[in-house]
Amino acid sequence: PTLENYEVTCHTKQENSIIVSFSC
């Protein structure tokens, strides 16, 4: 329950790839 700083590739509506660091 404390996932931290996981780097994940996401995609915007414009189909651009971005790298987001998630804490969950």
mmCIF file of all heavy atoms, coordinates in Angstrom:
data_MODEL
# 
_entry.id   MODEL 
# 
loop_
_atom_site.group_PDB 
_atom_site.id 
_atom_site.type_symbol 
_atom_site.label_atom_id 
_atom_site.label_alt_id 
_atom_site.label_comp_id 
_atom_site.label_asym_id 
_atom_site.label_entity_id 
_atom_site.label_seq_id 
_atom_site.pdbx_PDB_ins_code 
_atom_site.Cartn_x 
_atom_site.Cartn_y 
_atom_site.Cartn_z 
_atom_site.occupancy 
_atom_site.B_iso_or_equiv 
_atom_site.pdbx_formal_charge 
_atom_site.auth_seq_id 
_atom_site.auth_comp_id 
_atom_site.auth_asym_id 
_atom_site.auth_atom_id 
_atom_site.pdbx_PDB_model_num 
ATOM 1   N N   . PRO A 1 1  ? 0.800  -1.236 0.000   1.00 0.00 ? 1  PRO A N   1 
ATOM 2   C CA  . PRO A 1 1  ? 0.000  0.000  0.000   1.00 0.00 ? 1  PRO A CA  1 
ATOM 3   C C   . PRO A 1 1  ? 0.829  1.282  0.000   1.00 0.00 ? 1  PRO A C   1 
ATOM 4   O O   . PRO A 1 1  ? 0.251  2.362  0.037   1.00 0.00 ? 1  PRO A O   1 
ATOM 5   C CB  . PRO A 1 1  ? -0.811 -0.128 1.292   1.00 0.00 ? 1  PRO A CB  1 
ATOM 6   C CG  . PRO A 1 1  ? -0.005 -1.029 2.165   1.00 0.00 ? 1  PRO A CG  1 
ATOM 7   C CD  . PRO A 1 1  ? 0.704  -1.973 1.260   1.00 0.00 ? 1  PRO A CD  1 
ATOM 8   N N   . THR A 1 2  ? 2.145  1.194  -0.058  1.00 0.00 ? 2  THR A N   1 
ATOM 9   C CA  . THR A 1 2  ? 2.970  2.414  -0.112  1.00 0.00 ? 2  THR A CA  1 
ATOM 10  C C   . THR A 1 2  ? 3.967  2.317  -1.263  1.00 0.00 ? 2  THR A C   1 
ATOM 11  O O   . THR A 1 2  ? 5.170  2.482  -1.091  1.00 0.00 ? 2  THR A O   1 
ATOM 12  C CB  . THR A 1 2  ? 3.723  2.631  1.212   1.00 0.00 ? 2  THR A CB  1 
ATOM 13  O OG1 . THR A 1 2  ? 4.501  1.468  1.518   1.00 0.00 ? 2  THR A OG1 1 
ATOM 14  C CG2 . THR A 1 2  ? 2.760  2.928  2.346   1.00 0.00 ? 2  THR A CG2 1 
ATOM 15  N N   . LEU A 1 3  ? 3.470  2.022  -2.442  1.00 0.00 ? 3  LEU A N   1 
ATOM 16  C CA  . LEU A 1 3  ? 4.324  2.020  -3.631  1.00 0.00 ? 3  LEU A CA  1 
ATOM 17  C C   . LEU A 1 3  ? 4.830  3.443  -3.887  1.00 0.00 ? 3  LEU A C   1 
ATOM 18  O O   . LEU A 1 3  ? 4.035  4.384  -3.929  1.00 0.00 ? 3  LEU A O   1 
ATOM 19  C CB  . LEU A 1 3  ? 3.538  1.524  -4.846  1.00 0.00 ? 3  LEU A CB  1 
ATOM 20  C CG  . LEU A 1 3  ? 3.237  0.019  -4.908  1.00 0.00 ? 3  LEU A CG  1 
ATOM 21  C CD1 . LEU A 1 3  ? 2.291  -0.266 -6.059  1.00 0.00 ? 3  LEU A CD1 1 
ATOM 22  C CD2 . LEU A 1 3  ? 4.511  -0.784 -5.066  1.00 0.00 ? 3  LEU A CD2 1 
ATOM 23  N N   . GLU A 1 4  ? 6.148  3.584  -4.080  1.00 0.00 ? 4  GLU A N   1 
ATOM 24  C CA  . GLU A 1 4  ? 6.718  4.914  -4.201  1.00 0.00 ? 4  GLU A CA  1 
ATOM 25  C C   . GLU A 1 4  ? 7.672  4.998  -5.388  1.00 0.00 ? 4  GLU A C   1 
ATOM 26  O O   . GLU A 1 4  ? 8.455  4.081  -5.649  1.00 0.00 ? 4  GLU A O   1 
ATOM 27  C CB  . GLU A 1 4  ? 7.481  5.296  -2.923  1.00 0.00 ? 4  GLU A CB  1 
ATOM 28  C CG  . GLU A 1 4  ? 6.607  5.329  -1.690  1.00 0.00 ? 4  GLU A CG  1 
ATOM 29  C CD  . GLU A 1 4  ? 7.434  5.526  -0.428  1.00 0.00 ? 4  GLU A CD  1 
ATOM 30  O OE1 . GLU A 1 4  ? 8.664  5.569  -0.531  1.00 0.00 ? 4  GLU A OE1 1 
ATOM 31  O OE2 . GLU A 1 4  ? 6.838  5.621  0.649   1.00 0.00 ? 4  GLU A OE2 1 
ATOM 32  N N   . ASN A 1 5  ? 7.588  6.121  -6.075  1.00 0.00 ? 5  ASN A N   1 
ATOM 33  C CA  . ASN A 1 5  ? 8.549  6.488  -7.119  1.00 0.00 ? 5  ASN A CA  1 
ATOM 34  C C   . ASN A 1 5  ? 8.703  5.409  -8.188  1.00 0.00 ? 5  ASN A C   1 
ATOM 35  O O   . ASN A 1 5  ? 9.818  5.062  -8.582  1.00 0.00 ? 5  ASN A O   1 
ATOM 36  C CB  . ASN A 1 5  ? 9.915  6.808  -6.497  1.00 0.00 ? 5  ASN A CB  1 
ATOM 37  C CG  . ASN A 1 5  ? 9.836  7.964  -5.514  1.00 0.00 ? 5  ASN A CG  1 
ATOM 38  O OD1 . ASN A 1 5  ? 9.080  8.909  -5.723  1.00 0.00 ? 5  ASN A OD1 1 
ATOM 39  N ND2 . ASN A 1 5  ? 10.600 7.883  -4.434  1.00 0.00 ? 5  ASN A ND2 1 
ATOM 40  N N   . TYR A 1 6  ? 7.586  4.900  -8.650  1.00 0.00 ? 6  TYR A N   1 
ATOM 41  C CA  . TYR A 1 6  ? 7.621  3.972  -9.761  1.00 0.00 ? 6  TYR A CA  1 
ATOM 42  C C   . TYR A 1 6  ? 7.539  4.760  -11.067 1.00 0.00 ? 6  TYR A C   1 
ATOM 43  O O   . TYR A 1 6  ? 6.590  5.508  -11.293 1.00 0.00 ? 6  TYR A O   1 
ATOM 44  C CB  . TYR A 1 6  ? 6.477  2.954  -9.685  1.00 0.00 ? 6  TYR A CB  1 
ATOM 45  C CG  . TYR A 1 6  ? 6.833  1.735  -8.878  1.00 0.00 ? 6  TYR A CG  1 
ATOM 46  C CD1 . TYR A 1 6  ? 6.884  1.795  -7.493  1.00 0.00 ? 6  TYR A CD1 1 
ATOM 47  C CD2 . TYR A 1 6  ? 7.154  0.538  -9.506  1.00 0.00 ? 6  TYR A CD2 1 
ATOM 48  C CE1 . TYR A 1 6  ? 7.224  0.671  -6.747  1.00 0.00 ? 6  TYR A CE1 1 
ATOM 49  C CE2 . TYR A 1 6  ? 7.491  -0.595 -8.760  1.00 0.00 ? 6  TYR A CE2 1 
ATOM 50  C CZ  . TYR A 1 6  ? 7.514  -0.515 -7.387  1.00 0.00 ? 6  TYR A CZ  1 
ATOM 51  O OH  . TYR A 1 6  ? 7.847  -1.621 -6.643  1.00 0.00 ? 6  TYR A OH  1 
ATOM 52  N N   . GLU A 1 7  ? 8.565  4.590  -11.901 1.00 0.00 ? 7  GLU A N   1 
ATOM 53  C CA  . GLU A 1 7  ? 8.632  5.324  -13.163 1.00 0.00 ? 7  GLU A CA  1 
ATOM 54  C C   . GLU A 1 7  ? 7.903  4.534  -14.240 1.00 0.00 ? 7  GLU A C   1 
ATOM 55  O O   . GLU A 1 7  ? 8.237  3.380  -14.512 1.00 0.00 ? 7  GLU A O   1 
ATOM 56  C CB  . GLU A 1 7  ? 10.088 5.576  -13.552 1.00 0.00 ? 7  GLU A CB  1 
ATOM 57  C CG  . GLU A 1 7  ? 10.836 6.433  -12.537 1.00 0.00 ? 7  GLU A CG  1 
ATOM 58  C CD  . GLU A 1 7  ? 12.292 6.639  -12.887 1.00 0.00 ? 7  GLU A CD  1 
ATOM 59  O OE1 . GLU A 1 7  ? 12.708 6.175  -13.972 1.00 0.00 ? 7  GLU A OE1 1 
ATOM 60  O OE2 . GLU A 1 7  ? 13.012 7.262  -12.088 1.00 0.00 ? 7  GLU A OE2 1 
ATOM 61  N N   . VAL A 1 8  ? 6.922  5.186  -14.836 1.00 0.00 ? 8  VAL A N   1 
ATOM 62  C CA  . VAL A 1 8  ? 6.053  4.517  -15.792 1.00 0.00 ? 8  VAL A CA  1 
ATOM 63  C C   . VAL A 1 8  ? 5.892  5.403  -17.021 1.00 0.00 ? 8  VAL A C   1 
ATOM 64  O O   . VAL A 1 8  ? 5.791  6.631  -16.906 1.00 0.00 ? 8  VAL A O   1 
ATOM 65  C CB  . VAL A 1 8  ? 4.666  4.229  -15.180 1.00 0.00 ? 8  VAL A CB  1 
ATOM 66  C CG1 . VAL A 1 8  ? 3.761  3.578  -16.206 1.00 0.00 ? 8  VAL A CG1 1 
ATOM 67  C CG2 . VAL A 1 8  ? 4.809  3.339  -13.948 1.00 0.00 ? 8  VAL A CG2 1 
ATOM 68  N N   . THR A 1 9  ? 5.889  4.806  -18.193 1.00 0.00 ? 9  THR A N   1 
ATOM 69  C CA  . THR A 1 9  ? 5.634  5.544  -19.430 1.00 0.00 ? 9  THR A CA  1 
ATOM 70  C C   . THR A 1 9  ? 4.132  5.639  -19.654 1.00 0.00 ? 9  THR A C   1 
ATOM 71  O O   . THR A 1 9  ? 3.433  4.622  -19.694 1.00 0.00 ? 9  THR A O   1 
ATOM 72  C CB  . THR A 1 9  ? 6.296  4.847  -20.628 1.00 0.00 ? 9  THR A CB  1 
ATOM 73  O OG1 . THR A 1 9  ? 7.706  4.801  -20.429 1.00 0.00 ? 9  THR A OG1 1 
ATOM 74  C CG2 . THR A 1 9  ? 6.007  5.611  -21.922 1.00 0.00 ? 9  THR A CG2 1 
ATOM 75  N N   . CYS A 1 10 ? 3.651  6.868  -19.791 1.00 0.00 ? 10 CYS A N   1 
ATOM 76  C CA  . CYS A 1 10 ? 2.226  7.124  -20.042 1.00 0.00 ? 10 CYS A CA  1 
ATOM 77  C C   . CYS A 1 10 ? 2.074  7.783  -21.408 1.00 0.00 ? 10 CYS A C   1 
ATOM 78  O O   . CYS A 1 10 ? 3.059  8.171  -22.056 1.00 0.00 ? 10 CYS A O   1 
ATOM 79  C CB  . CYS A 1 10 ? 1.647  8.029  -18.956 1.00 0.00 ? 10 CYS A CB  1 
ATOM 80  S SG  . CYS A 1 10 ? 1.884  7.432  -17.275 1.00 0.00 ? 10 CYS A SG  1 
ATOM 81  N N   . HIS A 1 11 ? 0.837  7.944  -21.822 1.00 0.00 ? 11 HIS A N   1 
ATOM 82  C CA  . HIS A 1 11 ? 0.561  8.569  -23.116 1.00 0.00 ? 11 HIS A CA  1 
ATOM 83  C C   . HIS A 1 11 ? -0.533 9.618  -22.961 1.00 0.00 ? 11 HIS A C   1 
ATOM 84  O O   . HIS A 1 11 ? -1.568 9.365  -22.348 1.00 0.00 ? 11 HIS A O   1 
ATOM 85  C CB  . HIS A 1 11 ? 0.134  7.513  -24.147 1.00 0.00 ? 11 HIS A CB  1 
ATOM 86  C CG  . HIS A 1 11 ? 1.232  6.544  -24.483 1.00 0.00 ? 11 HIS A CG  1 
ATOM 87  N ND1 . HIS A 1 11 ? 1.505  5.441  -23.705 1.00 0.00 ? 11 HIS A ND1 1 
ATOM 88  C CD2 . HIS A 1 11 ? 2.135  6.533  -25.497 1.00 0.00 ? 11 HIS A CD2 1 
ATOM 89  C CE1 . HIS A 1 11 ? 2.522  4.781  -24.235 1.00 0.00 ? 11 HIS A CE1 1 
ATOM 90  N NE2 . HIS A 1 11 ? 2.915  5.430  -25.307 1.00 0.00 ? 11 HIS A NE2 1 
ATOM 91  N N   . THR A 1 12 ? -0.261 10.776 -23.515 1.00 0.00 ? 12 THR A N   1 
ATOM 92  C CA  . THR A 1 12 ? -1.233 11.857 -23.456 1.00 0.00 ? 12 THR A CA  1 
ATOM 93  C C   . THR A 1 12 ? -2.296 11.666 -24.522 1.00 0.00 ? 12 THR A C   1 
ATOM 94  O O   . THR A 1 12 ? -2.195 10.776 -25.376 1.00 0.00 ? 12 THR A O   1 
ATOM 95  C CB  . THR A 1 12 ? -0.533 13.211 -23.658 1.00 0.00 ? 12 THR A CB  1 
ATOM 96  O OG1 . THR A 1 12 ? -0.037 13.271 -25.012 1.00 0.00 ? 12 THR A OG1 1 
ATOM 97  C CG2 . THR A 1 12 ? 0.633  13.381 -22.693 1.00 0.00 ? 12 THR A CG2 1 
ATOM 98  N N   . LYS A 1 13 ? -3.259 12.513 -24.469 1.00 0.00 ? 13 LYS A N   1 
ATOM 99  C CA  . LYS A 1 13 ? -4.323 12.464 -25.476 1.00 0.00 ? 13 LYS A CA  1 
ATOM 100 C C   . LYS A 1 13 ? -3.762 12.687 -26.873 1.00 0.00 ? 13 LYS A C   1 
ATOM 101 O O   . LYS A 1 13 ? -4.267 12.129 -27.852 1.00 0.00 ? 13 LYS A O   1 
ATOM 102 C CB  . LYS A 1 13 ? -5.382 13.526 -25.157 1.00 0.00 ? 13 LYS A CB  1 
ATOM 103 C CG  . LYS A 1 13 ? -6.547 13.550 -26.132 1.00 0.00 ? 13 LYS A CG  1 
ATOM 104 C CD  . LYS A 1 13 ? -7.539 14.647 -25.766 1.00 0.00 ? 13 LYS A CD  1 
ATOM 105 C CE  . LYS A 1 13 ? -8.696 14.708 -26.763 1.00 0.00 ? 13 LYS A CE  1 
ATOM 106 N NZ  . LYS A 1 13 ? -9.661 15.785 -26.420 1.00 0.00 ? 13 LYS A NZ  1 
ATOM 107 N N   . GLN A 1 14 ? -2.683 13.476 -26.963 1.00 0.00 ? 14 GLN A N   1 
ATOM 108 C CA  . GLN A 1 14 ? -2.045 13.767 -28.246 1.00 0.00 ? 14 GLN A CA  1 
ATOM 109 C C   . GLN A 1 14 ? -1.074 12.675 -28.676 1.00 0.00 ? 14 GLN A C   1 
ATOM 110 O O   . GLN A 1 14 ? -0.282 12.862 -29.605 1.00 0.00 ? 14 GLN A O   1 
ATOM 111 C CB  . GLN A 1 14 ? -1.304 15.113 -28.174 1.00 0.00 ? 14 GLN A CB  1 
ATOM 112 C CG  . GLN A 1 14 ? -2.201 16.321 -27.976 1.00 0.00 ? 14 GLN A CG  1 
ATOM 113 C CD  . GLN A 1 14 ? -2.748 16.430 -26.566 1.00 0.00 ? 14 GLN A CD  1 
ATOM 114 O OE1 . GLN A 1 14 ? -2.125 15.942 -25.615 1.00 0.00 ? 14 GLN A OE1 1 
ATOM 115 N NE2 . GLN A 1 14 ? -3.917 17.055 -26.413 1.00 0.00 ? 14 GLN A NE2 1 
ATOM 116 N N   . GLU A 1 15 ? -1.083 11.517 -27.972 1.00 0.00 ? 15 GLU A N   1 
ATOM 117 C CA  . GLU A 1 15 ? -0.233 10.363 -28.269 1.00 0.00 ? 15 GLU A CA  1 
ATOM 118 C C   . GLU A 1 15 ? 1.240  10.628 -27.994 1.00 0.00 ? 15 GLU A C   1 
ATOM 119 O O   . GLU A 1 15 ? 2.115  9.952  -28.547 1.00 0.00 ? 15 GLU A O   1 
ATOM 120 C CB  . GLU A 1 15 ? -0.405 9.913  -29.739 1.00 0.00 ? 15 GLU A CB  1 
ATOM 121 C CG  . GLU A 1 15 ? -1.793 9.441  -30.093 1.00 0.00 ? 15 GLU A CG  1 
ATOM 122 C CD  . GLU A 1 15 ? -2.200 8.210  -29.279 1.00 0.00 ? 15 GLU A CD  1 
ATOM 123 O OE1 . GLU A 1 15 ? -1.329 7.371  -29.003 1.00 0.00 ? 15 GLU A OE1 1 
ATOM 124 O OE2 . GLU A 1 15 ? -3.376 8.110  -28.912 1.00 0.00 ? 15 GLU A OE2 1 
ATOM 125 N N   . ASN A 1 16 ? 1.544  11.605 -27.152 1.00 0.00 ? 16 ASN A N   1 
ATOM 126 C CA  . ASN A 1 16 ? 2.926  11.849 -26.749 1.00 0.00 ? 16 ASN A CA  1 
ATOM 127 C C   . ASN A 1 16 ? 3.272  10.959 -25.558 1.00 0.00 ? 16 ASN A C   1 
ATOM 128 O O   . ASN A 1 16 ? 2.468  10.799 -24.638 1.00 0.00 ? 16 ASN A O   1 
ATOM 129 C CB  . ASN A 1 16 ? 3.122  13.313 -26.369 1.00 0.00 ? 16 ASN A CB  1 
ATOM 130 C CG  . ASN A 1 16 ? 2.901  14.247 -27.544 1.00 0.00 ? 16 ASN A CG  1 
ATOM 131 O OD1 . ASN A 1 16 ? 3.270  13.918 -28.672 1.00 0.00 ? 16 ASN A OD1 1 
ATOM 132 N ND2 . ASN A 1 16 ? 2.289  15.397 -27.295 1.00 0.00 ? 16 ASN A ND2 1 
ATOM 133 N N   . SER A 1 17 ? 4.469  10.411 -25.583 1.00 0.00 ? 17 SER A N   1 
ATOM 134 C CA  . SER A 1 17 ? 4.931  9.587  -24.462 1.00 0.00 ? 17 SER A CA  1 
ATOM 135 C C   . SER A 1 17 ? 5.550  10.487 -23.391 1.00 0.00 ? 17 SER A C   1 
ATOM 136 O O   . SER A 1 17 ? 6.343  11.373 -23.701 1.00 0.00 ? 17 SER A O   1 
ATOM 137 C CB  . SER A 1 17 ? 5.968  8.566  -24.939 1.00 0.00 ? 17 SER A CB  1 
ATOM 138 O OG  . SER A 1 17 ? 5.378  7.632  -25.814 1.00 0.00 ? 17 SER A OG  1 
ATOM 139 N N   . ILE A 1 18 ? 5.183  10.270 -22.147 1.00 0.00 ? 18 ILE A N   1 
ATOM 140 C CA  . ILE A 1 18 ? 5.767  10.994 -21.024 1.00 0.00 ? 18 ILE A CA  1 
ATOM 141 C C   . ILE A 1 18 ? 6.145  9.980  -19.952 1.00 0.00 ? 18 ILE A C   1 
ATOM 142 O O   . ILE A 1 18 ? 5.572  8.890  -19.880 1.00 0.00 ? 18 ILE A O   1 
ATOM 143 C CB  . ILE A 1 18 ? 4.799  12.050 -20.441 1.00 0.00 ? 18 ILE A CB  1 
ATOM 144 C CG1 . ILE A 1 18 ? 3.475  11.401 -20.024 1.00 0.00 ? 18 ILE A CG1 1 
ATOM 145 C CG2 . ILE A 1 18 ? 4.572  13.187 -21.415 1.00 0.00 ? 18 ILE A CG2 1 
ATOM 146 C CD1 . ILE A 1 18 ? 2.528  12.358 -19.318 1.00 0.00 ? 18 ILE A CD1 1 
ATOM 147 N N   . ILE A 1 19 ? 7.122  10.328 -19.143 1.00 0.00 ? 19 ILE A N   1 
ATOM 148 C CA  . ILE A 1 19 ? 7.541  9.452  -18.048 1.00 0.00 ? 19 ILE A CA  1 
ATOM 149 C C   . ILE A 1 19 ? 7.071  10.077 -16.742 1.00 0.00 ? 19 ILE A C   1 
ATOM 150 O O   . ILE A 1 19 ? 7.393  11.228 -16.441 1.00 0.00 ? 19 ILE A O   1 
ATOM 151 C CB  . ILE A 1 19 ? 9.068  9.269  -18.045 1.00 0.00 ? 19 ILE A CB  1 
ATOM 152 C CG1 . ILE A 1 19 ? 9.531  8.699  -19.393 1.00 0.00 ? 19 ILE A CG1 1 
ATOM 153 C CG2 . ILE A 1 19 ? 9.488  8.329  -16.912 1.00 0.00 ? 19 ILE A CG2 1 
ATOM 154 C CD1 . ILE A 1 19 ? 11.026 8.600  -19.530 1.00 0.00 ? 19 ILE A CD1 1 
ATOM 155 N N   . VAL A 1 20 ? 6.302  9.335  -15.985 1.00 0.00 ? 20 VAL A N   1 
ATOM 156 C CA  . VAL A 1 20 ? 5.707  9.836  -14.748 1.00 0.00 ? 20 VAL A CA  1 
ATOM 157 C C   . VAL A 1 20 ? 6.180  8.954  -13.587 1.00 0.00 ? 20 VAL A C   1 
ATOM 158 O O   . VAL A 1 20 ? 6.182  7.725  -13.685 1.00 0.00 ? 20 VAL A O   1 
ATOM 159 C CB  . VAL A 1 20 ? 4.172  9.828  -14.824 1.00 0.00 ? 20 VAL A CB  1 
ATOM 160 C CG1 . VAL A 1 20 ? 3.562  10.346 -13.523 1.00 0.00 ? 20 VAL A CG1 1 
ATOM 161 C CG2 . VAL A 1 20 ? 3.696  10.677 -16.003 1.00 0.00 ? 20 VAL A CG2 1 
ATOM 162 N N   . SER A 1 21 ? 6.582  9.614  -12.497 1.00 0.00 ? 21 SER A N   1 
ATOM 163 C CA  . SER A 1 21 ? 6.955  8.905  -11.274 1.00 0.00 ? 21 SER A CA  1 
ATOM 164 C C   . SER A 1 21 ? 5.743  8.867  -10.352 1.00 0.00 ? 21 SER A C   1 
ATOM 165 O O   . SER A 1 21 ? 5.271  9.910  -9.890  1.00 0.00 ? 21 SER A O   1 
ATOM 166 C CB  . SER A 1 21 ? 8.135  9.608  -10.593 1.00 0.00 ? 21 SER A CB  1 
ATOM 167 O OG  . SER A 1 21 ? 8.452  8.978  -9.377  1.00 0.00 ? 21 SER A OG  1 
ATOM 168 N N   . PHE A 1 22 ? 5.236  7.658  -10.101 1.00 0.00 ? 22 PHE A N   1 
ATOM 169 C CA  . PHE A 1 22 ? 4.012  7.498  -9.324  1.00 0.00 ? 22 PHE A CA  1 
ATOM 170 C C   . PHE A 1 22 ? 4.317  7.032  -7.898  1.00 0.00 ? 22 PHE A C   1 
ATOM 171 O O   . PHE A 1 22 ? 5.186  6.196  -7.661  1.00 0.00 ? 22 PHE A O   1 
ATOM 172 C CB  . PHE A 1 22 ? 3.091  6.461  -9.977  1.00 0.00 ? 22 PHE A CB  1 
ATOM 173 C CG  . PHE A 1 22 ? 2.293  6.994  -11.123 1.00 0.00 ? 22 PHE A CG  1 
ATOM 174 C CD1 . PHE A 1 22 ? 2.606  6.660  -12.426 1.00 0.00 ? 22 PHE A CD1 1 
ATOM 175 C CD2 . PHE A 1 22 ? 1.217  7.846  -10.879 1.00 0.00 ? 22 PHE A CD2 1 
ATOM 176 C CE1 . PHE A 1 22 ? 1.852  7.151  -13.482 1.00 0.00 ? 22 PHE A CE1 1 
ATOM 177 C CE2 . PHE A 1 22 ? 0.466  8.338  -11.931 1.00 0.00 ? 22 PHE A CE2 1 
ATOM 178 C CZ  . PHE A 1 22 ? 0.784  7.991  -13.242 1.00 0.00 ? 22 PHE A CZ  1 
ATOM 179 N N   . SER A 1 23 ? 3.563  7.581  -6.960  1.00 0.00 ? 23 SER A N   1 
ATOM 180 C CA  . SER A 1 23 ? 3.453  7.052  -5.609  1.00 0.00 ? 23 SER A CA  1 
ATOM 181 C C   . SER A 1 23 ? 1.995  6.678  -5.404  1.00 0.00 ? 23 SER A C   1 
ATOM 182 O O   . SER A 1 23 ? 1.100  7.479  -5.725  1.00 0.00 ? 23 SER A O   1 
ATOM 183 C CB  . SER A 1 23 ? 3.907  8.087  -4.570  1.00 0.00 ? 23 SER A CB  1 
ATOM 184 O OG  . SER A 1 23 ? 5.285  8.368  -4.703  1.00 0.00 ? 23 SER A OG  1 
ATOM 185 N N   . CYS A 1 24 ? 1.754  5.484  -4.911  1.00 0.00 ? 24 CYS A N   1 
ATOM 186 C CA  . CYS A 1 24 ? 0.387  4.959  -4.898  1.00 0.00 ? 24 CYS A CA  1 
ATOM 187 C C   . CYS A 1 24 ? 0.045  4.379  -3.525  1.00 0.00 ? 24 CYS A C   1 
ATOM 188 O O   . CYS A 1 24 ? 0.917  3.897  -2.790  1.00 0.00 ? 24 CYS A O   1 
ATOM 189 C CB  . CYS A 1 24 ? 0.216  3.861  -5.952  1.00 0.00 ? 24 CYS A CB  1 
ATOM 190 S SG  . CYS A 1 24 ? 0.842  4.287  -7.587  1.00 0.00 ? 24 CYS A SG  1 
# 
